[in-house]
Amino acid sequence: MATQYLSKVIFSVHKFILGALAKVGYETRVLDELISGLMADLLARYQDGMNRAIHLVHIERHKKPYTLNHYFNENLQKARNDRTNQALKNKAWNDKETGRPVVTLDAISSVVNNQSKSSIQQRRYTIFSRLTTKWPASASPITSTTRPWITACFQAHQIL
């Protein structure tokens, strides 16, 4: 399925590139030489993309998913803690004497029990947290431009 999707993407990209070159308006001979010069590199990139997709599918099907990246694990835990803290802040009120937020034990119990949702909902939150976890820029597979997109997709599909 991944290779079928990627084939469609490659076809669309290739069609766009050829269309853009045709719009430049060079004569046919120049256009043919330009396309033949680009073709070897394009085909190599298409093949590399397909190989990467096949590799990722292989890992997903046959390997145990885990990460040894401490930044990822730290930030994943932080995302979970932030979610708990936000839920507790919503149940807190300010103490008259100290002015600090206070939460009852019942409210804490309620938040903790709500976080141990059905396993499906918990998996959704785990996937969302993992996809939106911030990494250092040098190691990040997810950029600042993709993070809001991921959030929007989860919200649009009412996964969160």
Protein backbone atom coordinates (compact mmCIF):
# COMPACT_ATOMS: atom_id res chain seq x y z
CA MET A 1 0.00 0.00 0.00
CA ALA A 2 2.84 2.40 0.83
CA THR A 3 4.53 1.67 -2.48
CA GLN A 4 1.28 2.29 -4.37
CA TYR A 5 0.84 5.63 -2.64
CA LEU A 6 4.46 6.59 -3.22
CA SER A 7 4.16 5.59 -6.88
CA LYS A 8 1.26 8.01 -7.24
CA VAL A 9 3.29 10.75 -5.53
CA ILE A 10 6.28 10.09 -7.80
CA PHE A 11 4.01 10.16 -10.85
CA SER A 12 2.52 13.50 -9.76
CA VAL A 13 5.93 15.02 -9.06
CA HIS A 14 7.33 13.75 -12.35
CA LYS A 15 4.32 15.07 -14.25
CA PHE A 16 4.73 18.45 -12.55
CA ILE A 17 8.46 18.65 -13.39
CA LEU A 18 7.87 17.77 -17.04
CA GLY A 19 4.97 20.22 -17.22
CA ALA A 20 7.06 23.01 -15.68
CA LEU A 21 9.88 22.37 -18.14
CA ALA A 22 7.44 22.37 -21.05
CA LYS A 23 6.05 25.75 -19.92
CA VAL A 24 9.51 27.31 -20.12
CA GLY A 25 9.10 27.25 -23.87
CA TYR A 26 12.45 25.96 -25.08
CA GLU A 27 12.56 24.32 -28.47
CA THR A 28 11.97 20.58 -28.51
CA ARG A 29 15.63 19.60 -28.93
CA VAL A 30 16.76 21.72 -25.96
CA LEU A 31 13.88 20.44 -23.85
CA ASP A 32 14.72 16.80 -24.68
CA GLU A 33 18.38 17.35 -23.74
CA LEU A 34 17.40 19.06 -20.50
CA ILE A 35 15.02 16.24 -19.56
CA SER A 36 17.55 13.53 -20.43
CA GLY A 37 20.15 15.34 -18.30
CA LEU A 38 17.81 15.43 -15.32
CA MET A 39 16.34 11.97 -15.77
CA ALA A 40 19.19 9.91 -14.25
CA ASP A 41 19.20 11.98 -11.06
CA LEU A 42 15.40 12.01 -10.86
CA LEU A 43 15.14 8.24 -11.29
CA ALA A 44 17.80 7.71 -8.61
CA ARG A 45 15.86 9.94 -6.21
CA TYR A 46 12.59 8.20 -6.99
CA GLN A 47 14.22 4.82 -6.36
CA ASP A 48 15.77 6.08 -3.11
CA GLY A 49 12.38 7.31 -1.92
CA MET A 50 10.77 3.98 -2.76
CA ASN A 51 13.57 2.08 -0.97
CA ARG A 52 13.11 4.24 2.14
CA ALA A 53 9.36 3.60 2.15
CA ILE A 54 9.91 -0.15 1.81
CA HIS A 55 12.48 -0.01 4.62
CA LEU A 56 10.05 1.82 6.93
CA VAL A 57 7.27 -0.66 6.18
CA HIS A 58 9.68 -3.53 6.91
CA ILE A 59 10.62 -1.97 10.25
CA GLU A 60 6.98 -1.39 11.14
CA ARG A 61 6.03 -4.98 10.35
CA HIS A 62 9.05 -6.89 11.65
CA LYS A 63 10.83 -4.85 14.30
CA LYS A 64 9.93 -3.83 17.81
CA PRO A 65 9.39 -0.06 17.76
CA TYR A 66 11.48 1.75 20.35
CA THR A 67 13.86 4.63 20.62
CA LEU A 68 17.12 5.03 22.44
CA ASN A 69 17.14 8.78 21.89
CA HIS A 70 17.09 10.34 25.36
CA TYR A 71 15.77 13.67 24.02
CA PHE A 72 12.75 11.90 22.62
CA ASN A 73 12.00 10.02 25.83
CA GLU A 74 12.49 13.12 27.99
CA ASN A 75 10.23 15.21 25.80
CA LEU A 76 7.62 12.47 25.55
CA GLN A 77 7.48 12.33 29.35
CA LYS A 78 7.28 16.13 29.45
CA ALA A 79 4.33 16.08 27.02
CA ARG A 80 2.53 13.57 29.23
CA ASN A 81 3.27 15.63 32.35
CA ASP A 82 2.08 18.81 30.63
CA ARG A 83 -1.21 17.11 29.77
CA THR A 84 -1.66 16.02 33.41
CA ASN A 85 -0.70 19.47 34.72
CA GLN A 86 -3.17 21.17 32.39
CA ALA A 87 -5.96 18.86 33.51
CA LEU A 88 -5.11 19.59 37.16
CA LYS A 89 -4.94 23.36 36.54
CA ASN A 90 -8.45 23.20 35.14
CA LYS A 91 -9.66 21.72 38.45
CA ALA A 92 -7.63 24.06 40.70
CA TRP A 93 -8.64 27.20 42.55
CA ASN A 94 -6.52 29.79 44.36
CA ASP A 95 -6.13 29.43 48.11
CA LYS A 96 -7.24 32.60 49.92
CA GLU A 97 -4.32 32.58 52.37
CA THR A 98 -1.43 31.74 50.04
CA GLY A 99 -2.82 32.76 46.67
CA ARG A 100 -1.45 29.54 45.22
CA PRO A 101 -3.46 27.03 43.18
CA VAL A 102 -4.96 24.16 45.19
CA VAL A 103 -6.36 20.84 44.00
CA THR A 104 -8.34 18.33 46.06
CA LEU A 105 -7.32 14.71 46.30
CA ASP A 106 -10.59 13.77 44.62
CA ALA A 107 -9.72 16.01 41.66
CA ILE A 108 -6.27 14.42 41.40
CA SER A 109 -7.83 10.97 41.54
CA SER A 110 -10.32 11.96 38.87
CA VAL A 111 -7.58 13.25 36.53
CA VAL A 112 -5.43 10.16 37.06
CA ASN A 113 -8.39 7.84 36.48
CA ASN A 114 -9.42 9.74 33.36
CA GLN A 115 -5.89 9.41 32.03
CA SER A 116 -6.09 5.65 32.29
CA LYS A 117 -8.69 5.74 29.53
CA SER A 118 -9.52 2.89 27.28
CA SER A 119 -6.43 1.41 25.73
CA ILE A 120 -7.43 2.77 22.30
CA GLN A 121 -7.70 6.35 23.57
CA GLN A 122 -4.42 5.96 25.48
CA ARG A 123 -2.71 4.74 22.31
CA ARG A 124 -4.06 7.76 20.44
CA TYR A 125 -2.58 10.10 23.02
CA THR A 126 0.69 8.18 22.97
CA ILE A 127 0.92 8.40 19.17
CA PHE A 128 0.02 12.08 19.25
CA SER A 129 2.63 12.77 21.95
CA ARG A 130 5.28 10.89 20.03
CA LEU A 131 4.49 12.67 16.77
CA THR A 132 4.52 16.10 18.35
CA THR A 133 7.42 15.63 20.76
CA LYS A 134 10.07 18.27 20.23
CA TRP A 135 13.57 17.09 19.43
CA PRO A 136 16.76 19.10 19.05
CA ALA A 137 16.85 20.55 15.54
CA SER A 138 19.77 18.37 14.49
CA ALA A 139 17.92 15.14 15.32
CA SER A 140 14.33 16.08 14.63
CA PRO A 141 12.33 14.02 12.14
CA ILE A 142 9.43 16.40 12.72
CA THR A 143 9.86 20.07 11.97
CA SER A 144 8.14 23.11 13.41
CA THR A 145 6.07 23.26 10.23
CA THR A 146 4.83 19.67 10.44
CA ARG A 147 3.99 19.71 14.17
CA PRO A 148 0.94 22.04 13.80
CA TRP A 149 -0.18 20.00 10.79
CA ILE A 150 -0.08 16.80 12.83
CA THR A 151 -2.08 18.48 15.60
CA ALA A 152 -4.66 19.75 13.11
CA CYS A 153 -5.02 16.28 11.57
CA PHE A 154 -5.61 14.68 14.97
CA GLN A 155 -8.18 17.34 15.89
CA ALA A 156 -9.93 17.20 12.52
CA HIS A 157 -10.36 13.45 12.81
CA GLN A 158 -11.47 13.84 16.44
CA ILE A 159 -8.69 11.56 17.60
CA LEU A 160 -7.92 13.80 20.56
